[in-house]
N, C-alpha and C. Protein backbone atom coordinates (compact mmCIF):
# COMPACT_ATOMS: atom_id res chain seq x y z
N MET A 1 1.07 -0.94 -0.13
CA MET A 1 0.03 0.01 -0.04
C MET A 1 1.05 1.08 0.11
N LYS A 2 0.41 2.22 -0.60
CA LYS A 2 1.01 3.35 -0.87
C LYS A 2 0.32 4.62 -0.06
N ILE A 3 0.88 5.21 0.87
CA ILE A 3 0.29 6.25 1.75
C ILE A 3 1.20 7.65 1.76
N GLY A 4 0.06 8.48 1.14
CA GLY A 4 0.43 9.90 1.07
C GLY A 4 0.19 10.65 2.34
N PHE A 5 1.26 11.87 2.34
CA PHE A 5 0.86 12.56 3.55
C PHE A 5 1.27 13.74 2.90
N VAL A 6 0.39 15.06 3.00
CA VAL A 6 0.10 16.31 2.57
C VAL A 6 0.40 17.02 4.13
N ILE A 7 1.31 17.79 4.26
CA ILE A 7 1.65 18.47 5.42
C ILE A 7 1.39 19.80 5.45
N ARG A 8 0.71 20.88 5.86
CA ARG A 8 0.45 22.33 5.34
C ARG A 8 0.97 23.08 6.60
N THR A 9 1.51 22.52 7.60
CA THR A 9 2.05 23.37 8.82
C THR A 9 3.41 23.33 8.92
N GLY A 10 4.25 24.04 9.54
CA GLY A 10 5.57 24.44 9.97
C GLY A 10 5.84 23.39 10.94
N PRO A 11 7.11 23.25 11.17
CA PRO A 11 7.70 22.32 12.25
C PRO A 11 7.52 22.09 13.77
N TYR A 12 7.49 23.73 14.16
CA TYR A 12 7.34 23.67 15.70
C TYR A 12 6.02 24.61 15.98
N SER A 13 5.08 24.89 15.10
CA SER A 13 3.82 25.56 15.43
C SER A 13 2.82 24.72 16.14
N ASN A 14 2.77 23.31 16.00
CA ASN A 14 2.10 22.35 16.25
C ASN A 14 2.51 20.68 16.17
N GLN A 15 1.94 19.57 16.29
CA GLN A 15 2.28 18.48 16.54
C GLN A 15 2.08 17.65 15.24
N ASN A 16 1.42 18.51 13.86
CA ASN A 16 1.11 17.60 12.63
C ASN A 16 2.34 17.00 11.98
N ILE A 17 3.36 17.45 12.00
CA ILE A 17 4.65 16.63 11.51
C ILE A 17 5.19 15.55 12.10
N ASP A 18 4.95 15.49 13.91
CA ASP A 18 5.41 14.68 14.56
C ASP A 18 4.50 13.84 14.19
N THR A 19 3.07 14.02 14.39
CA THR A 19 1.97 12.91 14.32
C THR A 19 2.51 12.06 12.48
N ALA A 20 2.86 12.92 11.30
CA ALA A 20 2.97 12.34 10.08
C ALA A 20 4.26 11.35 10.38
N TYR A 21 5.16 11.85 10.83
CA TYR A 21 6.59 11.39 10.99
C TYR A 21 6.27 10.01 11.74
N GLU A 22 5.56 9.56 13.03
CA GLU A 22 5.60 8.52 13.77
C GLU A 22 4.89 7.46 12.66
N LEU A 23 3.42 8.10 12.12
CA LEU A 23 2.73 7.26 11.75
C LEU A 23 3.65 6.70 10.18
N ALA A 24 4.40 7.56 9.57
CA ALA A 24 5.36 7.07 8.20
C ALA A 24 6.10 6.10 8.37
N LYS A 25 6.73 6.29 9.83
CA LYS A 25 7.81 5.42 10.21
C LYS A 25 7.25 4.00 10.38
N ARG A 26 6.40 3.86 11.00
CA ARG A 26 5.66 2.77 11.54
C ARG A 26 4.96 2.08 10.12
N ALA A 27 4.44 2.90 9.16
CA ALA A 27 3.94 2.39 7.64
C ALA A 27 5.46 1.37 6.95
N ILE A 28 6.43 2.17 7.16
CA ILE A 28 7.48 1.87 6.37
C ILE A 28 7.67 0.69 6.56
N VAL A 29 8.12 0.20 8.15
CA VAL A 29 8.44 -0.93 8.83
C VAL A 29 7.77 -1.88 8.56
N LYS A 30 6.20 -1.79 8.32
CA LYS A 30 5.17 -2.77 8.21
C LYS A 30 5.56 -3.14 6.47
N GLY A 31 6.37 -2.21 5.70
CA GLY A 31 6.31 -2.56 4.14
C GLY A 31 5.79 -1.59 3.47
N HIS A 32 5.05 -0.59 3.78
CA HIS A 32 4.30 0.28 2.89
C HIS A 32 5.23 1.53 2.01
N ARG A 33 4.79 1.94 1.18
CA ARG A 33 5.46 3.18 0.49
C ARG A 33 5.05 4.18 1.01
N VAL A 34 5.76 5.08 1.11
CA VAL A 34 5.52 6.60 1.88
C VAL A 34 5.91 7.73 1.25
N GLU A 35 4.86 8.55 0.73
CA GLU A 35 5.39 9.75 0.00
C GLU A 35 4.68 11.14 0.68
N PHE A 36 5.95 12.09 1.14
CA PHE A 36 5.26 13.26 1.49
C PHE A 36 5.24 14.42 0.51
N PHE A 37 4.08 15.66 0.79
CA PHE A 37 4.02 16.58 -0.18
C PHE A 37 3.73 17.48 0.85
N LEU A 38 4.82 18.57 1.10
CA LEU A 38 4.95 19.89 1.88
C LEU A 38 4.55 20.71 1.03
N TYR A 39 3.70 21.28 1.80
CA TYR A 39 2.78 22.44 1.41
C TYR A 39 2.72 23.72 1.82
N GLU A 40 2.85 25.23 1.36
CA GLU A 40 2.56 26.27 2.33
C GLU A 40 3.58 26.28 3.46
N ASP A 41 3.53 26.21 4.59
CA ASP A 41 4.53 26.46 5.52
C ASP A 41 4.93 25.16 6.02
N GLY A 42 4.60 23.69 5.71
CA GLY A 42 5.22 22.65 5.57
C GLY A 42 6.07 22.50 4.82
N THR A 43 6.48 23.65 3.86
CA THR A 43 7.87 23.32 3.18
C THR A 43 9.29 23.84 4.28
N SER A 44 8.99 24.34 5.41
CA SER A 44 10.06 24.74 6.41
C SER A 44 10.17 23.16 7.21
N ASN A 45 9.76 22.39 6.91
CA ASN A 45 9.93 20.78 7.90
C ASN A 45 11.28 20.37 6.93
N ILE A 46 11.98 20.55 5.59
CA ILE A 46 12.66 20.35 5.28
C ILE A 46 13.98 21.13 4.87
N ASN A 47 13.71 22.42 5.99
CA ASN A 47 14.88 23.40 5.82
C ASN A 47 16.37 22.65 6.95
N LYS A 48 17.34 22.39 6.27
CA LYS A 48 18.35 21.74 7.20
C LYS A 48 18.83 22.82 8.01
N HIS A 49 18.76 24.17 8.04
CA HIS A 49 19.02 25.20 8.94
C HIS A 49 18.25 25.22 9.98
N LEU A 50 17.21 24.52 10.40
CA LEU A 50 16.51 24.57 11.39
C LEU A 50 16.93 23.24 12.26
N ASN A 51 17.25 23.51 13.41
CA ASN A 51 17.75 22.68 14.46
C ASN A 51 17.92 23.50 15.79
N PRO A 52 16.77 23.84 16.31
CA PRO A 52 16.98 24.51 17.62
C PRO A 52 17.65 23.65 18.73
N THR A 53 18.59 24.00 19.34
CA THR A 53 19.10 23.39 20.59
C THR A 53 18.11 23.40 21.62
N GLY A 54 17.97 21.90 22.07
CA GLY A 54 17.07 21.54 23.37
C GLY A 54 15.98 20.91 22.73
N GLU A 55 15.42 21.20 21.29
CA GLU A 55 14.13 20.61 20.88
C GLU A 55 14.45 19.42 19.93
N ARG A 56 13.37 18.78 19.49
CA ARG A 56 13.46 17.66 18.46
C ARG A 56 14.07 18.16 17.07
N ASN A 57 14.58 17.52 16.11
CA ASN A 57 15.09 17.96 14.92
C ASN A 57 14.50 17.39 14.04
N ILE A 58 13.66 18.32 13.43
CA ILE A 58 12.44 18.06 12.50
C ILE A 58 13.12 17.37 11.12
N ALA A 59 14.00 18.59 10.57
CA ALA A 59 14.80 18.08 9.70
C ALA A 59 15.60 16.68 9.38
N GLY A 60 15.96 16.49 10.72
CA GLY A 60 16.37 15.33 10.90
C GLY A 60 15.48 14.16 10.76
N ARG A 61 14.28 14.52 11.53
CA ARG A 61 13.21 13.17 11.20
C ARG A 61 13.02 13.00 9.76
N MET A 62 12.80 14.18 9.25
CA MET A 62 12.64 13.93 7.78
C MET A 62 14.11 13.31 6.83
N GLU A 63 15.16 13.54 6.96
CA GLU A 63 16.12 12.70 6.38
C GLU A 63 16.08 11.27 7.08
N GLU A 64 15.97 10.93 8.16
CA GLU A 64 15.34 9.67 8.68
C GLU A 64 14.37 9.11 7.98
N LEU A 65 13.31 9.38 7.61
CA LEU A 65 12.09 9.07 6.60
C LEU A 65 12.93 8.63 5.14
N ILE A 66 13.47 9.90 5.02
CA ILE A 66 14.25 9.37 3.35
C ILE A 66 15.08 8.27 3.33
N LYS A 67 16.05 7.85 4.46
CA LYS A 67 17.01 6.85 4.39
C LYS A 67 16.27 5.82 4.61
N MET A 68 14.85 5.80 5.18
CA MET A 68 14.10 4.57 5.27
C MET A 68 13.45 4.36 3.89
N GLY A 69 13.23 5.00 3.06
CA GLY A 69 12.52 4.56 1.90
C GLY A 69 11.42 5.87 1.56
N ALA A 70 11.12 6.85 2.27
CA ALA A 70 10.17 8.07 2.12
C ALA A 70 10.55 8.86 0.82
N LYS A 71 9.37 9.23 0.23
CA LYS A 71 9.68 10.11 -0.83
C LYS A 71 9.32 11.70 -0.36
N ILE A 72 9.84 12.21 -0.47
CA ILE A 72 9.91 13.87 0.16
C ILE A 72 10.12 15.00 -0.33
N THR A 73 9.01 15.52 -1.05
CA THR A 73 8.81 16.49 -2.30
C THR A 73 8.16 18.21 -1.34
N GLY A 74 8.96 19.22 -1.36
CA GLY A 74 8.46 20.42 -0.96
C GLY A 74 7.81 21.01 -2.33
N CYS A 75 6.78 22.06 -2.08
CA CYS A 75 6.40 22.59 -3.12
C CYS A 75 6.94 23.94 -3.68
N GLY A 76 7.52 24.21 -5.03
CA GLY A 76 8.72 25.26 -5.13
C GLY A 76 8.06 26.35 -4.81
N LEU A 77 6.56 26.98 -4.94
CA LEU A 77 6.50 28.22 -4.97
C LEU A 77 6.60 28.32 -3.36
N CYS A 78 5.69 27.64 -2.40
CA CYS A 78 5.82 27.58 -1.19
C CYS A 78 7.15 27.80 -0.38
N ALA A 79 8.15 27.15 -0.86
CA ALA A 79 9.26 27.33 -0.52
C ALA A 79 9.71 28.81 -0.77
N LYS A 80 9.84 28.97 -2.02
CA LYS A 80 10.29 30.13 -2.76
C LYS A 80 9.93 31.37 -1.77
N PHE A 81 8.49 31.40 -1.60
CA PHE A 81 7.85 32.59 -0.64
C PHE A 81 8.49 32.54 0.96
N ARG A 82 9.05 31.55 1.35
CA ARG A 82 9.40 31.20 2.73
C ARG A 82 11.21 31.28 2.89
N GLY A 83 11.32 31.57 1.93
CA GLY A 83 12.99 32.21 1.68
C GLY A 83 13.68 30.64 1.74
N ILE A 84 13.03 29.22 1.34
CA ILE A 84 13.78 28.17 1.25
C ILE A 84 14.40 27.93 -0.26
N ALA A 85 15.74 28.09 0.06
CA ALA A 85 16.18 27.55 -1.84
C ALA A 85 16.61 26.35 -1.88
N ARG A 86 16.92 25.69 -2.81
CA ARG A 86 17.06 24.13 -3.28
C ARG A 86 18.36 23.87 -2.13
N ASP A 87 19.85 24.75 -1.76
CA ASP A 87 20.61 24.30 -1.41
C ASP A 87 20.43 24.59 -0.11
N THR A 88 19.44 24.85 0.61
CA THR A 88 18.98 24.60 2.04
C THR A 88 17.81 23.68 2.47
N VAL A 89 17.87 22.59 1.92
CA VAL A 89 16.86 21.64 1.74
C VAL A 89 17.74 20.52 1.88
N ILE A 90 17.32 19.69 3.10
CA ILE A 90 17.96 18.41 3.41
C ILE A 90 18.30 17.31 2.35
N ASP A 91 19.23 16.81 2.53
CA ASP A 91 19.90 15.66 1.66
C ASP A 91 18.66 14.67 1.19
N GLY A 92 18.31 14.60 -0.21
CA GLY A 92 17.41 13.40 -0.33
C GLY A 92 15.86 14.12 -0.79
N ALA A 93 15.69 15.39 -0.19
CA ALA A 93 14.05 15.89 -0.45
C ALA A 93 14.43 16.84 -1.89
N LYS A 94 13.25 17.02 -2.24
CA LYS A 94 13.15 17.73 -3.61
C LYS A 94 12.16 18.73 -3.55
N ILE A 95 12.32 19.73 -4.15
CA ILE A 95 11.38 21.19 -4.47
C ILE A 95 10.92 20.79 -5.95
N SER A 96 9.71 21.19 -5.80
CA SER A 96 8.86 20.57 -7.34
C SER A 96 7.68 21.40 -7.21
N GLY A 97 6.73 20.97 -8.36
CA GLY A 97 5.54 21.65 -8.66
C GLY A 97 4.45 21.01 -7.99
N MET A 98 3.13 21.39 -8.42
CA MET A 98 2.15 20.83 -8.11
C MET A 98 1.83 19.33 -8.66
N ALA A 99 2.61 19.33 -9.78
CA ALA A 99 2.19 18.03 -10.53
C ALA A 99 2.28 17.04 -9.75
N VAL A 100 3.71 16.86 -8.85
CA VAL A 100 4.36 16.15 -7.92
C VAL A 100 2.90 15.78 -7.09
N LEU A 101 1.92 16.78 -6.85
CA LEU A 101 1.36 16.45 -5.71
C LEU A 101 0.14 15.83 -6.29
N SER A 102 -0.26 16.49 -7.65
CA SER A 102 -1.37 15.65 -8.26
C SER A 102 -1.10 14.15 -8.42
N ASP A 103 -0.01 13.83 -8.41
CA ASP A 103 0.49 12.56 -8.99
C ASP A 103 0.51 11.56 -7.70
N MET A 104 0.78 12.17 -6.61
CA MET A 104 1.16 11.82 -5.31
C MET A 104 -0.59 11.39 -4.99
N LEU A 105 -1.49 11.74 -5.08
CA LEU A 105 -2.97 11.99 -4.80
C LEU A 105 -3.36 10.57 -5.79
N GLU A 106 -2.93 10.93 -7.21
CA GLU A 106 -3.59 9.95 -8.24
C GLU A 106 -3.08 8.33 -7.85
N THR A 107 -1.55 8.31 -7.13
CA THR A 107 -1.15 6.79 -7.19
C THR A 107 -1.80 6.24 -6.07
N SER A 108 -1.59 7.12 -4.83
CA SER A 108 -1.87 6.69 -3.21
C SER A 108 -2.99 6.04 -2.70
N ASP A 109 -2.87 4.77 -2.06
CA ASP A 109 -4.03 3.96 -1.56
C ASP A 109 -4.83 4.91 -0.65
N ARG A 110 -3.86 5.61 0.07
CA ARG A 110 -4.61 6.46 1.21
C ARG A 110 -3.52 7.86 1.18
N VAL A 111 -4.40 9.06 1.66
CA VAL A 111 -3.79 10.03 1.79
C VAL A 111 -4.28 10.87 3.32
N ILE A 112 -3.58 10.81 3.94
CA ILE A 112 -3.56 11.89 4.96
C ILE A 112 -3.11 13.34 5.37
N THR A 113 -3.92 14.34 5.02
CA THR A 113 -3.47 15.76 5.53
C THR A 113 -3.87 16.27 6.71
N LEU A 114 -2.58 16.83 6.81
CA LEU A 114 -2.48 17.54 8.35
C LEU A 114 -2.48 19.15 7.87
N GLY A 115 -3.21 20.05 8.18
CA GLY A 115 -3.13 21.15 8.10
C GLY A 115 -3.51 22.26 9.38
N PHE A 116 -3.95 23.23 9.03
CA PHE A 116 -4.25 24.12 10.04
C PHE A 116 -5.66 23.61 10.48
């Protein structure tokens, strides 16, 4: 089964990305394919420069999921408006357009959207 996640919120404003991380990690361990599309403030979750001392490292968690086999893509226009350039994105994540979201929605067996 392929599970798609659409994340619309940033890393430290609520627990949406934490929930998605835990669900995705468990799904991958059970043999499911996982894909993320980060939209709006969600693109901040792959900014490699966000690593506050004493807090969980969200970008590091996203890298962990990529190493486990997850595909993670951020909306290019959303990233641009938030000052996130391709060279500030974690290794393995991509910045792309809405066609990737469309494809993920079409090819996923289940889609979980976490937003405002």
